[in-house]
Amino acid sequence: MAYRFKLKEGLRDGVRRIAVEQIEKVLKAPHRGEDRAAWVHEARKAMKRTRALLKCVRSGLDDRTFREENAALAEIARSLSNLRDRDVMAQTIAGLVGNDKRLDEALDCLDKHLHAPIDGKQFRPPSSRSADAVARDAIKALEKARARLAKIEVAGELTDSVGTGLRATQRKGREALERLRLEATDENVHDLRKVVQVHQRQQLLVYAVWPEMQHVRIEAARTLAQLLGEAQDLAVLASAARTLAESEAPDATCWGRLVDDACRERQERIREAAIPMAARLFAARPSAIERDLTAVWEAALALDATRHPVGAKPETGASRKRTARVTPP
């Protein structure tokens, strides 16, 4: 099943179904050798999707349950992050190459140093053996999380709980945007990206209420999240460049500063583009988001009833119209 609530689904059943499906996809996927990088990426996304689900229905969860499950999923994702950091940094370097000969030389120097320690700071990825151990530990944690989430208790009505969750995310998005407007720091960019990703995934959870409209919202959030993700990757690379600049490697100071300056320039352009995109995404008042969900959900149920009246013969594969599909972010 898709990462979304069904129109005629109980809250508890929907949360259990979606959470378990997300984890089972990760557990069933190949995770060794050449498959590991893709598995790590998908596993981390599955953890983010499941956490967005829990945040969406937080008002229906016991506070302790929410805190413990959210922290457990975050820890699984964090444990896998080191297995992909080197690849992400290499991709970021590749995106800056080709603009300036001196910068290209500096990037090449930094890339070589990423394979070895710089003044005691290690950028080399874990060994294959340690990576295997990290993956095994993550799988064990995922199995335990699946067992817990399959029995999780969620109280209340779906529209009430989800509406409250969407309102909270909208409020956090507006607050994160305001902080970034006031102070253009890496931390504030990172905070905005996190709430945009949650917003994106929660809009996918309510996709069934109005697929055409939700598709537009989800894609707008996806585009913004990717842009902010690029800024975050540049911040990581800039930090590595500053470490190089402070080292005793030949010409390291000059090369490190060149890369750092290039990263900062690109980050500034990204922020200029991202702020109006976020302003549009979070333009609606949080209370309106909650109110509109209930009204649109009721309308969607009424519309569904006209398409599938009581006693009507169910559609078969040949007659059923396929709706637009959105890939979970």
C-alpha atoms as a PDB file:
ATOM      1  CA  MET A   1       0.000   0.000   0.000  1.00  0.00           C
ATOM      2  CA  ALA A   2       0.994   3.607  -0.524  1.00  0.00           C
ATOM      3  CA  TYR A   3       2.338   6.007   2.111  1.00  0.00           C
ATOM      4  CA  ARG A   4      -1.011   7.680   2.677  1.00  0.00           C
ATOM      5  CA  PHE A   5      -4.173   7.374   4.725  1.00  0.00           C
ATOM      6  CA  LYS A   6      -7.247   5.866   3.136  1.00  0.00           C
ATOM      7  CA  LEU A   7     -10.420   7.939   3.084  1.00  0.00           C
ATOM      8  CA  LYS A   8     -12.367   5.321   5.063  1.00  0.00           C
ATOM      9  CA  GLU A   9      -9.708   4.191   7.499  1.00  0.00           C
ATOM     10  CA  GLY A  10      -9.516   4.323  11.264  1.00  0.00           C
ATOM     11  CA  LEU A  11      -6.693   6.401  12.710  1.00  0.00           C
ATOM     12  CA  ARG A  12      -5.019   3.610  14.675  1.00  0.00           C
ATOM     13  CA  ASP A  13      -5.236   1.104  11.828  1.00  0.00           C
ATOM     14  CA  GLY A  14      -3.854   3.613   9.357  1.00  0.00           C
ATOM     15  CA  VAL A  15      -0.893   4.558  11.527  1.00  0.00           C
ATOM     16  CA  ARG A  16      -0.001   0.928  12.205  1.00  0.00           C
ATOM     17  CA  ARG A  17      -0.317  -0.042   8.542  1.00  0.00           C
ATOM     18  CA  ILE A  18       1.779   2.817   7.199  1.00  0.00           C
ATOM     19  CA  ALA A  19       4.513   2.545   9.851  1.00  0.00           C
ATOM     20  CA  VAL A  20       4.925  -1.214   9.457  1.00  0.00           C
ATOM     21  CA  GLU A  21       4.964  -0.979   5.654  1.00  0.00           C
ATOM     22  CA  GLN A  22       7.757   1.598   5.749  1.00  0.00           C
ATOM     23  CA  ILE A  23       9.957  -0.574   7.954  1.00  0.00           C
ATOM     24  CA  GLU A  24       9.223  -3.798   6.104  1.00  0.00           C
ATOM     25  CA  LYS A  25      10.315  -2.236   2.813  1.00  0.00           C
ATOM     26  CA  VAL A  26      13.707  -1.545   4.357  1.00  0.00           C
ATOM     27  CA  LEU A  27      14.018  -4.976   5.947  1.00  0.00           C
ATOM     28  CA  LYS A  28      13.205  -6.752   2.675  1.00  0.00           C
ATOM     29  CA  ALA A  29      15.588  -4.694   0.519  1.00  0.00           C
ATOM     30  CA  PRO A  30      19.143  -5.968  -0.240  1.00  0.00           C
ATOM     31  CA  HIS A  31      21.717  -4.157   1.872  1.00  0.00           C
ATOM     32  CA  ARG A  32      25.118  -5.697   1.179  1.00  0.00           C
ATOM     33  CA  GLY A  33      27.948  -4.808  -1.197  1.00  0.00           C
ATOM     34  CA  GLU A  34      26.947  -2.600  -4.110  1.00  0.00           C
ATOM     35  CA  ASP A  35      23.378  -2.412  -2.802  1.00  0.00           C
ATOM     36  CA  ARG A  36      24.382  -0.821   0.486  1.00  0.00           C
ATOM     37  CA  ALA A  37      24.513   2.840  -0.586  1.00  0.00           C
ATOM     38  CA  ALA A  38      21.006   2.711  -2.057  1.00  0.00           C
ATOM     39  CA  TRP A  39      19.752   0.769   0.974  1.00  0.00           C
ATOM     40  CA  VAL A  40      21.149   3.325   3.414  1.00  0.00           C
ATOM     41  CA  HIS A  41      19.556   6.168   1.461  1.00  0.00           C
ATOM     42  CA  GLU A  42      16.154   4.458   1.366  1.00  0.00           C
ATOM     43  CA  ALA A  43      16.376   3.372   5.009  1.00  0.00           C
ATOM     44  CA  ARG A  44      17.041   6.933   6.152  1.00  0.00           C
ATOM     45  CA  LYS A  45      14.116   8.214   4.060  1.00  0.00           C
ATOM     46  CA  ALA A  46      11.837   5.526   5.509  1.00  0.00           C
ATOM     47  CA  MET A  47      12.783   6.632   9.015  1.00  0.00           C
ATOM     48  CA  LYS A  48      11.994  10.252   8.128  1.00  0.00           C
ATOM     49  CA  ARG A  49       8.657   9.235   6.620  1.00  0.00           C
ATOM     50  CA  THR A  50       7.724   7.244   9.719  1.00  0.00           C
ATOM     51  CA  ARG A  51       8.732  10.092  12.030  1.00  0.00           C
ATOM     52  CA  ALA A  52       6.652  12.512   9.919  1.00  0.00           C
ATOM     53  CA  LEU A  53       3.729  10.126  10.377  1.00  0.00           C
ATOM     54  CA  LEU A  54       4.136  10.104  14.158  1.00  0.00           C
ATOM     55  CA  LYS A  55       4.380  13.905  14.235  1.00  0.00           C
ATOM     56  CA  CYS A  56       1.242  14.113  12.118  1.00  0.00           C
ATOM     57  CA  VAL A  57      -0.786  12.130  14.686  1.00  0.00           C
ATOM     58  CA  ARG A  58       1.066  13.272  17.806  1.00  0.00           C
ATOM     59  CA  SER A  59      -2.102  14.529  19.507  1.00  0.00           C
ATOM     60  CA  GLY A  60      -3.435  10.971  19.449  1.00  0.00           C
ATOM     61  CA  LEU A  61      -0.287   9.449  20.974  1.00  0.00           C
ATOM     62  CA  ASP A  62       0.789   9.169  24.560  1.00  0.00           C
ATOM     63  CA  ASP A  63       3.614  11.672  25.116  1.00  0.00           C
ATOM     64  CA  ARG A  64       6.056   9.017  26.291  1.00  0.00           C
ATOM     65  CA  THR A  65       5.249   6.765  23.340  1.00  0.00           C
ATOM     66  CA  PHE A  66       5.827   9.573  20.878  1.00  0.00           C
ATOM     67  CA  ARG A  67       9.130  10.635  22.426  1.00  0.00           C
ATOM     68  CA  GLU A  68      10.509   7.117  22.638  1.00  0.00           C
ATOM     69  CA  GLU A  69       9.471   5.992  19.145  1.00  0.00           C
ATOM     70  CA  ASN A  70      10.543   9.243  17.511  1.00  0.00           C
ATOM     71  CA  ALA A  71      13.945   9.045  19.241  1.00  0.00           C
ATOM     72  CA  ALA A  72      14.396   5.376  18.292  1.00  0.00           C
ATOM     73  CA  LEU A  73      13.731   6.069  14.608  1.00  0.00           C
ATOM     74  CA  ALA A  74      15.999   9.125  14.650  1.00  0.00           C
ATOM     75  CA  GLU A  75      18.804   7.036  16.169  1.00  0.00           C
ATOM     76  CA  ILE A  76      18.507   4.402  13.434  1.00  0.00           C
ATOM     77  CA  ALA A  77      18.810   7.101  10.766  1.00  0.00           C
ATOM     78  CA  ARG A  78      21.713   8.743  12.590  1.00  0.00           C
ATOM     79  CA  SER A  79      23.601   5.454  12.872  1.00  0.00           C
ATOM     80  CA  LEU A  80      23.468   5.092   9.092  1.00  0.00           C
ATOM     81  CA  SER A  81      24.462   8.682   8.277  1.00  0.00           C
ATOM     82  CA  ASN A  82      28.232   8.050   8.351  1.00  0.00           C
ATOM     83  CA  LEU A  83      27.826   5.380   5.677  1.00  0.00           C
ATOM     84  CA  ARG A  84      26.726   7.991   3.149  1.00  0.00           C
ATOM     85  CA  ASP A  85      28.547  11.188   4.195  1.00  0.00           C
ATOM     86  CA  ARG A  86      31.566  10.522   1.981  1.00  0.00           C
ATOM     87  CA  ASP A  87      29.410   9.906  -1.116  1.00  0.00           C
ATOM     88  CA  VAL A  88      27.400  13.069  -0.472  1.00  0.00           C
ATOM     89  CA  MET A  89      30.558  15.146  -0.100  1.00  0.00           C
ATOM     90  CA  ALA A  90      31.965  13.719  -3.330  1.00  0.00           C
ATOM     91  CA  GLN A  91      28.756  14.649  -5.162  1.00  0.00           C
ATOM     92  CA  THR A  92      28.902  18.170  -3.740  1.00  0.00           C
ATOM     93  CA  ILE A  93      32.489  18.564  -4.934  1.00  0.00           C
ATOM     94  CA  ALA A  94      31.493  17.354  -8.409  1.00  0.00           C
ATOM     95  CA  GLY A  95      28.768  19.997  -8.539  1.00  0.00           C
ATOM     96  CA  LEU A  96      31.300  22.810  -8.027  1.00  0.00           C
ATOM     97  CA  VAL A  97      33.898  21.563 -10.516  1.00  0.00           C
ATOM     98  CA  GLY A  98      34.266  23.302 -13.863  1.00  0.00           C
ATOM     99  CA  ASN A  99      33.706  26.947 -12.942  1.00  0.00           C
ATOM    100  CA  ASP A 100      37.257  28.052 -12.231  1.00  0.00           C
ATOM    101  CA  LYS A 101      40.676  26.426 -12.750  1.00  0.00           C
ATOM    102  CA  ARG A 102      42.067  27.451  -9.356  1.00  0.00           C
ATOM    103  CA  LEU A 103      38.879  26.325  -7.632  1.00  0.00           C
ATOM    104  CA  ASP A 104      39.063  22.991  -9.453  1.00  0.00           C
ATOM    105  CA  GLU A 105      42.601  22.487  -8.145  1.00  0.00           C
ATOM    106  CA  ALA A 106      41.443  23.342  -4.624  1.00  0.00           C
ATOM    107  CA  LEU A 107      38.527  20.900  -4.892  1.00  0.00           C
ATOM    108  CA  ASP A 108      40.860  18.178  -6.124  1.00  0.00           C
ATOM    109  CA  CYS A 109      43.137  18.804  -3.159  1.00  0.00           C
ATOM    110  CA  LEU A 110      40.208  18.604  -0.742  1.00  0.00           C
ATOM    111  CA  ASP A 111      38.883  15.448  -2.369  1.00  0.00           C
ATOM    112  CA  LYS A 112      42.243  13.717  -1.881  1.00  0.00           C
ATOM    113  CA  HIS A 113      42.358  14.743   1.772  1.00  0.00           C
ATOM    114  CA  LEU A 114      38.887  13.312   2.376  1.00  0.00           C
ATOM    115  CA  HIS A 115      40.434   9.851   2.050  1.00  0.00           C
ATOM    116  CA  ALA A 116      42.843  10.473   4.902  1.00  0.00           C
ATOM    117  CA  PRO A 117      42.943  12.234   8.299  1.00  0.00           C
ATOM    118  CA  ILE A 118      43.566  15.967   8.478  1.00  0.00           C
ATOM    119  CA  ASP A 119      45.036  17.070  11.812  1.00  0.00           C
ATOM    120  CA  GLY A 120      43.410  14.127  13.526  1.00  0.00           C
ATOM    121  CA  LYS A 121      39.971  14.672  11.926  1.00  0.00           C
ATOM    122  CA  GLN A 122      38.817  11.726   9.917  1.00  0.00           C
ATOM    123  CA  PHE A 123      36.778  12.047   6.726  1.00  0.00           C
ATOM    124  CA  ARG A 124      37.434   8.502   5.514  1.00  0.00           C
ATOM    125  CA  PRO A 125      34.312   6.283   5.421  1.00  0.00           C
ATOM    126  CA  PRO A 126      34.057   3.280   7.739  1.00  0.00           C
ATOM    127  CA  SER A 127      35.705   0.026   6.683  1.00  0.00           C
ATOM    128  CA  SER A 128      33.589  -2.615   4.969  1.00  0.00           C
ATOM    129  CA  ARG A 129      33.591  -4.669   8.152  1.00  0.00           C
ATOM    130  CA  SER A 130      32.424  -1.819  10.361  1.00  0.00           C
ATOM    131  CA  ALA A 131      29.811  -0.867   7.756  1.00  0.00           C
ATOM    132  CA  ASP A 132      28.482  -4.430   7.909  1.00  0.00           C
ATOM    133  CA  ALA A 133      28.221  -4.148  11.686  1.00  0.00           C
ATOM    134  CA  VAL A 134      26.384  -0.815  11.456  1.00  0.00           C
ATOM    135  CA  ALA A 135      23.903  -2.302   8.984  1.00  0.00           C
ATOM    136  CA  ARG A 136      23.314  -5.366  11.151  1.00  0.00           C
ATOM    137  CA  ASP A 137      22.667  -3.222  14.211  1.00  0.00           C
ATOM    138  CA  ALA A 138      20.277  -1.037  12.238  1.00  0.00           C
ATOM    139  CA  ILE A 139      18.343  -4.075  11.030  1.00  0.00           C
ATOM    140  CA  LYS A 140      17.959  -5.379  14.580  1.00  0.00           C
ATOM    141  CA  ALA A 141      16.694  -1.971  15.696  1.00  0.00           C
ATOM    142  CA  LEU A 142      14.282  -1.868  12.752  1.00  0.00           C
ATOM    143  CA  GLU A 143      12.858  -5.272  13.639  1.00  0.00           C
ATOM    144  CA  LYS A 144      12.212  -4.116  17.191  1.00  0.00           C
ATOM    145  CA  ALA A 145      10.630  -0.879  15.951  1.00  0.00           C
ATOM    146  CA  ARG A 146       8.357  -2.815  13.589  1.00  0.00           C
ATOM    147  CA  ALA A 147       7.107  -4.999  16.435  1.00  0.00           C
ATOM    148  CA  ARG A 148       6.353  -1.959  18.603  1.00  0.00           C
ATOM    149  CA  LEU A 149       4.697   0.107  15.887  1.00  0.00           C
ATOM    150  CA  ALA A 150       2.491  -2.812  14.838  1.00  0.00           C
ATOM    151  CA  LYS A 151       0.824  -2.496  18.257  1.00  0.00           C
ATOM    152  CA  ILE A 152       1.001   1.271  18.771  1.00  0.00           C
ATOM    153  CA  GLU A 153      -2.096   2.855  20.285  1.00  0.00           C
ATOM    154  CA  VAL A 154      -3.471   6.025  18.690  1.00  0.00           C
ATOM    155  CA  ALA A 155      -6.587   7.693  20.068  1.00  0.00           C
ATOM    156  CA  GLY A 156      -9.128   9.973  18.435  1.00  0.00           C
ATOM    157  CA  GLU A 157     -10.555  10.592  14.997  1.00  0.00           C
ATOM    158  CA  LEU A 158      -8.295  10.659  11.960  1.00  0.00           C
ATOM    159  CA  THR A 159      -9.226  14.131  10.699  1.00  0.00           C
ATOM    160  CA  ASP A 160      -8.947  15.684  14.163  1.00  0.00           C
ATOM    161  CA  SER A 161      -5.533  14.224  14.943  1.00  0.00           C
ATOM    162  CA  VAL A 162      -4.063  14.744  11.483  1.00  0.00           C
ATOM    163  CA  GLY A 163      -5.498  18.261  11.279  1.00  0.00           C
ATOM    164  CA  THR A 164      -3.774  19.145  14.538  1.00  0.00           C
ATOM    165  CA  GLY A 165      -0.505  17.711  13.218  1.00  0.00           C
ATOM    166  CA  LEU A 166      -0.688  19.660   9.960  1.00  0.00           C
ATOM    167  CA  ARG A 167      -1.412  22.853  11.885  1.00  0.00           C
ATOM    168  CA  ALA A 168       1.656  22.297  14.088  1.00  0.00           C
ATOM    169  CA  THR A 169       3.888  21.703  11.066  1.00  0.00           C
ATOM    170  CA  GLN A 170       2.569  24.808   9.304  1.00  0.00           C
ATOM    171  CA  ARG A 171       3.311  26.868  12.403  1.00  0.00           C
ATOM    172  CA  LYS A 172       6.839  25.461  12.690  1.00  0.00           C
ATOM    173  CA  GLY A 173       7.432  26.166   9.011  1.00  0.00           C
ATOM    174  CA  ARG A 174       6.447  29.824   9.372  1.00  0.00           C
ATOM    175  CA  GLU A 175       8.636  30.170  12.464  1.00  0.00           C
ATOM    176  CA  ALA A 176      11.642  28.514  10.770  1.00  0.00           C
ATOM    177  CA  LEU A 177      11.247  30.797   7.749  1.00  0.00           C
ATOM    178  CA  GLU A 178      11.162  33.883   9.961  1.00  0.00           C
ATOM    179  CA  ARG A 179      14.350  32.801  11.755  1.00  0.00           C
ATOM    180  CA  LEU A 180      16.119  32.345   8.426  1.00  0.00           C
ATOM    181  CA  ARG A 181      14.981  35.779   7.267  1.00  0.00           C
ATOM    182  CA  LEU A 182      16.409  37.318  10.423  1.00  0.00           C
ATOM    183  CA  GLU A 183      19.670  35.374  10.437  1.00  0.00           C
ATOM    184  CA  ALA A 184      21.062  33.464   7.447  1.00  0.00           C
ATOM    185  CA  THR A 185      22.920  30.726   9.326  1.00  0.00           C
ATOM    186  CA  ASP A 186      23.561  27.116   8.331  1.00  0.00           C
ATOM    187  CA  GLU A 187      21.569  26.006  11.361  1.00  0.00           C
ATOM    188  CA  ASN A 188      18.532  28.015  10.305  1.00  0.00           C
ATOM    189  CA  VAL A 189      18.729  26.655   6.763  1.00  0.00           C
ATOM    190  CA  HIS A 190      18.916  23.150   8.201  1.00  0.00           C
ATOM    191  CA  ASP A 191      15.931  23.775  10.485  1.00  0.00           C
ATOM    192  CA  LEU A 192      13.812  25.065   7.608  1.00  0.00           C
ATOM    193  CA  ARG A 193      14.728  22.073   5.480  1.00  0.00           C
ATOM    194  CA  LYS A 194      13.673  19.652   8.201  1.00  0.00           C
ATOM    195  CA  VAL A 195      10.229  21.192   8.571  1.00  0.00           C
ATOM    196  CA  VAL A 196       9.783  21.394   4.771  1.00  0.00           C
ATOM    197  CA  GLN A 197      10.512  17.673   4.547  1.00  0.00           C
ATOM    198  CA  VAL A 198       7.993  16.921   7.286  1.00  0.00           C
ATOM    199  CA  HIS A 199       5.436  19.120   5.517  1.00  0.00           C
ATOM    200  CA  GLN A 200       6.117  17.316   2.234  1.00  0.00           C
ATOM    201  CA  ARG A 201       5.581  13.877   3.728  1.00  0.00           C
ATOM    202  CA  GLN A 202       2.508  14.852   5.704  1.00  0.00           C
ATOM    203  CA  GLN A 203       0.890  16.273   2.584  1.00  0.00           C
ATOM    204  CA  LEU A 204       1.486  12.894   0.986  1.00  0.00           C
ATOM    205  CA  LEU A 205      -0.257  11.209   3.929  1.00  0.00           C
ATOM    206  CA  VAL A 206      -3.470  13.105   3.083  1.00  0.00           C
ATOM    207  CA  TYR A 207      -3.069  12.671  -0.671  1.00  0.00           C
ATOM    208  CA  ALA A 208      -6.434  10.928  -0.993  1.00  0.00           C
ATOM    209  CA  VAL A 209      -8.449  14.022  -0.057  1.00  0.00           C
ATOM    210  CA  TRP A 210      -7.624  15.807  -3.335  1.00  0.00           C
ATOM    211  CA  PRO A 211      -4.929  14.079  -5.423  1.00  0.00           C
ATOM    212  CA  GLU A 212      -4.585  16.824  -8.035  1.00  0.00           C
ATOM    213  CA  MET A 213      -4.112  19.557  -5.455  1.00  0.00           C
ATOM    214  CA  GLN A 214      -1.885  17.472  -3.212  1.00  0.00           C
ATOM    215  CA  HIS A 215       0.389  16.625  -6.118  1.00  0.00           C
ATOM    216  CA  VAL A 216       1.143  20.332  -6.631  1.00  0.00           C
ATOM    217  CA  ARG A 217       1.842  20.904  -2.941  1.00  0.00           C
ATOM    218  CA  ILE A 218       4.043  17.833  -2.609  1.00  0.00           C
ATOM    219  CA  GLU A 219       6.148  18.704  -5.654  1.00  0.00           C
ATOM    220  CA  ALA A 220       6.587  22.299  -4.488  1.00  0.00           C
ATOM    221  CA  ALA A 221       7.820  21.077  -1.110  1.00  0.00           C
ATOM    222  CA  ARG A 222      10.041  18.456  -2.736  1.00  0.00           C
ATOM    223  CA  THR A 223      11.729  21.052  -4.927  1.00  0.00           C
ATOM    224  CA  LEU A 224      12.341  23.359  -1.956  1.00  0.00           C
ATOM    225  CA  ALA A 225      13.658  20.517   0.218  1.00  0.00           C
ATOM    226  CA  GLN A 226      16.131  19.505  -2.485  1.00  0.00           C
ATOM    227  CA  LEU A 227      17.357  23.072  -2.820  1.00  0.00           C
ATOM    228  CA  LEU A 228      17.819  23.437   0.934  1.00  0.00           C
ATOM    229  CA  GLY A 229      19.500  20.026   0.990  1.00  0.00           C
ATOM    230  CA  GLU A 230      22.066  21.303  -1.477  1.00  0.00           C
ATOM    231  CA  ALA A 231      22.754  24.236   0.851  1.00  0.00           C
ATOM    232  CA  GLN A 232      23.208  21.834   3.729  1.00  0.00           C
ATOM    233  CA  ASP A 233      25.639  19.670   1.749  1.00  0.00           C
ATOM    234  CA  LEU A 234      27.608  22.790   0.854  1.00  0.00           C
ATOM    235  CA  ALA A 235      27.797  23.670   4.559  1.00  0.00           C
ATOM    236  CA  VAL A 236      29.341  20.267   5.297  1.00  0.00           C
ATOM    237  CA  LEU A 237      31.855  20.704   2.475  1.00  0.00           C
ATOM    238  CA  ALA A 238      32.698  24.231   3.641  1.00  0.00           C
ATOM    239  CA  SER A 239      33.400  22.870   7.117  1.00  0.00           C
ATOM    240  CA  ALA A 240      35.790  20.293   5.640  1.00  0.00           C
ATOM    241  CA  ALA A 241      37.449  23.060   3.600  1.00  0.00           C
ATOM    242  CA  ARG A 242      37.996  25.149   6.726  1.00  0.00           C
ATOM    243  CA  THR A 243      39.566  22.139   8.419  1.00  0.00           C
ATOM    244  CA  LEU A 244      41.904  21.809   5.445  1.00  0.00           C
ATOM    245  CA  ALA A 245      42.720  25.507   5.585  1.00  0.00           C
ATOM    246  CA  GLU A 246      43.782  25.150   9.222  1.00  0.00           C
ATOM    247  CA  SER A 247      45.977  22.127   8.544  1.00  0.00           C
ATOM    248  CA  GLU A 248      49.699  22.108   7.765  1.00  0.00           C
ATOM    249  CA  ALA A 249      49.319  20.570   4.299  1.00  0.00           C
ATOM    250  CA  PRO A 250      51.141  22.495   1.512  1.00  0.00           C
ATOM    251  CA  ASP A 251      48.987  25.329   0.103  1.00  0.00           C
ATOM    252  CA  ALA A 252      46.142  24.092   2.307  1.00  0.00           C
ATOM    253  CA  THR A 253      45.183  27.554   3.557  1.00  0.00           C
ATOM    254  CA  CYS A 254      44.719  28.957   0.063  1.00  0.00           C
ATOM    255  CA  TRP A 255      42.846  25.916  -1.257  1.00  0.00           C
ATOM    256  CA  GLY A 256      40.647  25.636   1.787  1.00  0.00           C
ATOM    257  CA  ARG A 257      39.610  29.278   1.592  1.00  0.00           C
ATOM    258  CA  LEU A 258      38.846  29.011  -2.116  1.00  0.00           C
ATOM    259  CA  VAL A 259      36.471  26.095  -1.540  1.00  0.00           C
ATOM    260  CA  ASP A 260      34.911  27.735   1.507  1.00  0.00           C
ATOM    261  CA  ASP A 261      34.247  30.952  -0.414  1.00  0.00           C
ATOM    262  CA  ALA A 262      32.738  29.026  -3.352  1.00  0.00           C
ATOM    263  CA  CYS A 263      30.422  27.139  -1.009  1.00  0.00           C
ATOM    264  CA  ARG A 264      29.311  30.306   0.754  1.00  0.00           C
ATOM    265  CA  GLU A 265      28.584  32.089  -2.536  1.00  0.00           C
ATOM    266  CA  ARG A 266      26.438  29.211  -3.756  1.00  0.00           C
ATOM    267  CA  GLN A 267      24.647  28.973  -0.407  1.00  0.00           C
ATOM    268  CA  GLU A 268      23.719  32.648  -0.592  1.00  0.00           C
ATOM    269  CA  ARG A 269      22.150  32.189  -4.020  1.00  0.00           C
ATOM    270  CA  ILE A 270      20.195  29.205  -2.728  1.00  0.00           C
ATOM    271  CA  ARG A 271      18.854  31.172   0.236  1.00  0.00           C
ATOM    272  CA  GLU A 272      17.722  33.980  -2.049  1.00  0.00           C
ATOM    273  CA  ALA A 273      15.706  31.504  -4.101  1.00  0.00           C
ATOM    274  CA  ALA A 274      14.468  29.425  -1.176  1.00  0.00           C
ATOM    275  CA  ILE A 275      12.965  32.169   0.972  1.00  0.00           C
ATOM    276  CA  PRO A 276      10.128  33.175  -1.413  1.00  0.00           C
ATOM    277  CA  MET A 277       9.474  29.498  -2.177  1.00  0.00           C
ATOM    278  CA  ALA A 278       9.065  28.798   1.531  1.00  0.00           C
ATOM    279  CA  ALA A 279       6.948  31.915   1.989  1.00  0.00           C
ATOM    280  CA  ARG A 280       4.496  30.610  -0.583  1.00  0.00           C
ATOM    281  CA  LEU A 281       4.527  27.097   0.888  1.00  0.00           C
ATOM    282  CA  PHE A 282       3.745  28.323   4.397  1.00  0.00           C
ATOM    283  CA  ALA A 283       1.552  31.289   3.452  1.00  0.00           C
ATOM    284  CA  ALA A 284      -1.673  29.898   4.918  1.00  0.00           C
ATOM    285  CA  ARG A 285      -2.443  30.412   8.574  1.00  0.00           C
ATOM    286  CA  PRO A 286      -1.992  27.221  10.632  1.00  0.00           C
ATOM    287  CA  SER A 287      -5.610  27.337  11.849  1.00  0.00           C
ATOM    288  CA  ALA A 288      -6.821  27.467   8.244  1.00  0.00           C
ATOM    289  CA  ILE A 289      -4.821  24.346   7.390  1.00  0.00           C
ATOM    290  CA  GLU A 290      -6.567  22.386  10.144  1.00  0.00           C
ATOM    291  CA  ARG A 291     -10.025  23.725   9.302  1.00  0.00           C
ATOM    292  CA  ASP A 292      -9.660  23.085   5.573  1.00  0.00           C
ATOM    293  CA  LEU A 293      -8.552  19.478   6.062  1.00  0.00           C
ATOM    294  CA  THR A 294     -11.797  18.544   7.802  1.00  0.00           C
ATOM    295  CA  ALA A 295     -13.947  20.239   5.165  1.00  0.00           C
ATOM    296  CA  VAL A 296     -12.039  18.782   2.218  1.00  0.00           C
ATOM    297  CA  TRP A 297     -11.959  15.301   3.773  1.00  0.00           C
ATOM    298  CA  GLU A 298     -15.748  15.330   4.180  1.00  0.00           C
ATOM    299  CA  ALA A 299     -16.137  16.488   0.592  1.00  0.00           C
ATOM    300  CA  ALA A 300     -13.785  13.750  -0.610  1.00  0.00           C
ATOM    301  CA  LEU A 301     -15.878  11.130   1.191  1.00  0.00           C
ATOM    302  CA  ALA A 302     -19.048  12.489  -0.406  1.00  0.00           C
ATOM    303  CA  LEU A 303     -17.403  12.509  -3.823  1.00  0.00           C
ATOM    304  CA  ASP A 304     -16.182   8.953  -3.331  1.00  0.00           C
ATOM    305  CA  ALA A 305     -19.724   7.877  -2.471  1.00  0.00           C
ATOM    306  CA  THR A 306     -21.027   9.231  -5.793  1.00  0.00           C
ATOM    307  CA  ARG A 307     -18.372   7.260  -7.641  1.00  0.00           C
ATOM    308  CA  HIS A 308     -19.066   4.061  -5.699  1.00  0.00           C
ATOM    309  CA  PRO A 309     -22.763   4.082  -4.745  1.00  0.00           C
ATOM    310  CA  VAL A 310     -24.072   1.404  -2.411  1.00  0.00           C
ATOM    311  CA  GLY A 311     -24.883  -1.783  -4.321  1.00  0.00           C
ATOM    312  CA  ALA A 312     -22.922  -0.743  -7.412  1.00  0.00           C
ATOM    313  CA  LYS A 313     -20.718  -3.318  -9.087  1.00  0.00           C
ATOM    314  CA  PRO A 314     -17.034  -2.696  -8.217  1.00  0.00           C
ATOM    315  CA  GLU A 315     -14.779  -1.526 -11.017  1.00  0.00           C
ATOM    316  CA  THR A 316     -12.422  -4.054 -12.543  1.00  0.00           C
ATOM    317  CA  GLY A 317      -8.887  -3.549 -13.799  1.00  0.00           C
ATOM    318  CA  ALA A 318     -10.013  -2.699 -17.332  1.00  0.00           C
ATOM    319  CA  SER A 319     -12.505  -0.054 -16.251  1.00  0.00           C
ATOM    320  CA  ARG A 320     -10.699   1.471 -13.291  1.00  0.00           C
ATOM    321  CA  LYS A 321      -9.065   4.815 -13.988  1.00  0.00           C
ATOM    322  CA  ARG A 322      -5.596   5.180 -12.593  1.00  0.00           C
ATOM    323  CA  THR A 323      -4.901   8.320 -10.584  1.00  0.00           C
ATOM    324  CA  ALA A 324      -1.594  10.178 -10.672  1.00  0.00           C
ATOM    325  CA  ARG A 325       1.084   8.466  -8.622  1.00  0.00           C
ATOM    326  CA  VAL A 326       3.441  10.345  -6.369  1.00  0.00           C
ATOM    327  CA  THR A 327       6.663   8.713  -5.197  1.00  0.00           C
ATOM    328  CA  PRO A 328       7.125   9.101  -1.434  1.00  0.00           C
ATOM    329  CA  PRO A 329      10.017  11.495  -0.740  1.00  0.00           C
END
